[in-house]
Amino acid sequence: MPIVNNVTRFLDSHKINYTAHELPVEKLGALEAAQILNAPEAQVFKTIVTVREKGKPVLAVIPGPHVVDLKLLASFLGEKKVSLPTQNEAERITGLQAGGISPLALINKGFQVVMDADCESYETIYISGGQRGLNIQLRVADLVKLVNAKIGKISKV
């Protein structure tokens, strides 16, 4: 029986085509998930919580092999500086476990979402389904629209 959670119910209610993939429930990185999914590493995106000096945190959605470039992200946002919280702080900020943080699970929670421009290289990408052990493959255009994402070059290899 496939995993059903708030993310899959939300996607179903908005009639979004997606494929849910069950993974082991331990914390996996995007590269480990790509191996299990038999997908290109750069097509499996991870969500990185970043904190600005004032205002709500930003979710940076970047390709698995990349790291968020805090200077590029700050510049894109028009901020002086953004920083990375600890894993515990990211979990507290989002209410989700690391390995399960997803912009789809945080819709209407006030988070700004910025997706790395590399997402435009793919019709579909894989992202966390809002909990460990669930990955969602969906069209980039659907994700951008659902989470009101901005797209910019915010990461590096």
Protein backbone atom coordinates (compact mmCIF):
# COMPACT_ATOMS: atom_id res chain seq x y z
CA MET A 1 0.00 0.00 0.00
CA PRO A 2 1.53 3.35 -1.00
CA ILE A 3 2.30 5.97 1.61
CA VAL A 4 -0.45 8.55 2.01
CA ASN A 5 0.27 11.76 3.88
CA ASN A 6 -0.64 15.44 3.76
CA VAL A 7 1.59 15.98 0.72
CA THR A 8 0.04 13.20 -1.36
CA ARG A 9 -3.47 14.26 -0.31
CA PHE A 10 -2.63 17.85 -1.29
CA LEU A 11 -1.30 16.77 -4.69
CA ASP A 12 -4.34 14.56 -5.26
CA SER A 13 -6.74 17.37 -4.31
CA HIS A 14 -5.02 19.67 -6.84
CA LYS A 15 -5.11 16.94 -9.50
CA ILE A 16 -1.31 17.01 -9.88
CA ASN A 17 0.31 14.04 -11.61
CA TYR A 18 3.10 12.61 -9.48
CA THR A 19 4.75 9.35 -8.60
CA ALA A 20 5.35 8.50 -4.95
CA HIS A 21 8.45 6.42 -4.24
CA GLU A 22 8.92 4.64 -0.95
CA LEU A 23 12.47 4.65 0.41
CA PRO A 24 14.03 3.33 3.60
CA VAL A 25 12.81 5.45 6.52
CA GLU A 26 16.25 6.34 7.86
CA LYS A 27 17.65 9.76 7.00
CA LEU A 28 18.96 9.59 3.46
CA GLY A 29 20.79 12.25 1.53
CA ALA A 30 19.73 13.15 -2.00
CA LEU A 31 22.60 11.16 -3.49
CA GLU A 32 21.62 8.00 -1.58
CA ALA A 33 18.00 8.53 -2.63
CA ALA A 34 19.10 8.88 -6.27
CA GLN A 35 20.85 5.51 -6.11
CA ILE A 36 17.76 3.80 -4.66
CA LEU A 37 15.49 5.53 -7.18
CA ASN A 38 17.88 4.68 -10.02
CA ALA A 39 17.65 8.36 -11.02
CA PRO A 40 20.34 10.84 -12.08
CA GLU A 41 21.80 12.45 -8.95
CA ALA A 42 21.25 15.96 -10.34
CA GLN A 43 17.53 15.23 -10.83
CA VAL A 44 17.00 14.43 -7.13
CA PHE A 45 16.65 17.76 -5.34
CA LYS A 46 17.09 18.46 -1.65
CA THR A 47 15.54 21.19 0.46
CA ILE A 48 17.94 23.28 2.52
CA VAL A 49 16.55 25.57 5.23
CA THR A 50 18.28 28.94 5.29
CA VAL A 51 17.78 31.80 7.70
CA ARG A 52 17.82 35.51 6.91
CA GLU A 53 18.60 38.22 9.43
CA LYS A 54 14.93 39.27 9.62
CA GLY A 55 11.85 37.53 8.36
CA LYS A 56 10.78 33.98 7.63
CA PRO A 57 13.37 31.37 6.67
CA VAL A 58 13.88 30.46 3.02
CA LEU A 59 13.75 26.96 1.55
CA ALA A 60 16.49 26.51 -1.04
CA VAL A 61 15.67 23.59 -3.34
CA ILE A 62 18.87 22.46 -5.03
CA PRO A 63 20.23 19.45 -6.98
CA GLY A 64 21.53 16.60 -4.83
CA PRO A 65 25.23 16.94 -5.74
CA HIS A 66 25.24 20.70 -5.08
CA VAL A 67 25.62 22.87 -2.00
CA VAL A 68 23.67 26.05 -1.46
CA ASP A 69 25.81 29.12 -2.18
CA LEU A 70 24.81 31.48 0.62
CA LYS A 71 26.22 34.54 -1.16
CA LEU A 72 24.34 33.77 -4.38
CA LEU A 73 21.15 33.10 -2.41
CA ALA A 74 21.48 36.30 -0.36
CA SER A 75 22.10 38.31 -3.51
CA PHE A 76 19.12 36.69 -5.25
CA LEU A 77 16.90 37.54 -2.27
CA GLY A 78 18.24 41.09 -1.95
CA GLU A 79 19.53 40.28 1.53
CA LYS A 80 22.88 41.16 3.05
CA LYS A 81 23.34 37.70 4.45
CA VAL A 82 21.66 34.33 4.89
CA SER A 83 22.95 31.49 7.02
CA LEU A 84 22.44 27.80 7.60
CA PRO A 85 20.81 26.69 10.84
CA THR A 86 21.92 23.49 12.54
CA GLN A 87 19.98 20.33 11.71
CA ASN A 88 18.13 20.60 15.04
CA GLU A 89 17.24 24.25 14.34
CA ALA A 90 16.03 23.37 10.82
CA GLU A 91 13.80 20.66 12.28
CA ARG A 92 12.44 23.06 14.89
CA ILE A 93 11.84 25.81 12.31
CA THR A 94 9.97 23.51 9.91
CA GLY A 95 8.44 20.98 12.28
CA LEU A 96 9.80 18.25 9.98
CA GLN A 97 12.64 15.77 10.38
CA ALA A 98 15.79 16.29 8.34
CA GLY A 99 15.49 13.98 5.37
CA GLY A 100 11.79 14.78 5.16
CA ILE A 101 11.83 18.57 4.80
CA SER A 102 9.86 19.48 1.69
CA PRO A 103 8.41 22.70 0.29
CA LEU A 104 5.26 20.69 -0.46
CA ALA A 105 4.81 19.94 3.25
CA LEU A 106 5.29 23.61 4.16
CA ILE A 107 2.80 25.24 1.78
CA ASN A 108 0.94 28.12 3.45
CA LYS A 109 3.44 28.19 6.34
CA GLY A 110 5.03 31.44 5.13
CA PHE A 111 8.28 30.03 3.78
CA GLN A 112 9.72 31.57 0.63
CA VAL A 113 10.92 28.90 -1.80
CA VAL A 114 13.83 29.43 -4.18
CA MET A 115 14.68 26.66 -6.63
CA ASP A 116 18.06 26.40 -8.28
CA ALA A 117 17.94 27.22 -11.99
CA ASP A 118 19.21 23.71 -12.78
CA CYS A 119 15.63 22.52 -12.21
CA GLU A 120 14.82 23.97 -15.63
CA SER A 121 16.99 21.25 -17.20
CA TYR A 122 14.34 18.65 -16.33
CA GLU A 123 10.68 18.14 -16.99
CA THR A 124 10.34 16.26 -13.69
CA ILE A 125 12.41 16.20 -10.52
CA TYR A 126 12.34 14.20 -7.31
CA ILE A 127 11.89 15.89 -3.94
CA SER A 128 11.07 14.79 -0.42
CA GLY A 129 7.46 13.93 0.20
CA GLY A 130 7.39 15.60 3.62
CA GLN A 131 8.58 12.64 5.66
CA ARG A 132 11.50 10.26 5.71
CA GLY A 133 10.90 7.30 3.42
CA LEU A 134 8.83 9.16 0.81
CA ASN A 135 10.09 10.83 -2.34
CA ILE A 136 7.83 12.47 -4.92
CA GLN A 137 8.54 12.79 -8.63
CA LEU A 138 6.55 15.59 -10.27
CA ARG A 139 6.76 18.14 -13.04
CA VAL A 140 8.98 21.12 -12.26
CA ALA A 141 6.29 23.49 -13.57
CA ASP A 142 3.73 22.01 -11.15
CA LEU A 143 6.09 22.31 -8.18
CA VAL A 144 7.03 25.90 -9.03
CA LYS A 145 3.36 26.86 -9.28
CA LEU A 146 2.24 25.01 -6.14
CA VAL A 147 4.93 26.47 -3.85
CA ASN A 148 5.16 29.83 -5.63
CA ALA A 149 8.89 29.26 -6.13
CA LYS A 150 11.32 31.74 -7.54
CA ILE A 151 14.08 30.32 -9.75
CA GLY A 152 17.68 31.47 -9.65
CA LYS A 153 21.27 30.26 -9.62
CA ILE A 154 21.71 29.58 -5.89
CA SER A 155 24.01 26.56 -5.68
CA LYS A 156 27.36 25.21 -6.79
CA VAL A 157 28.90 21.77 -7.16
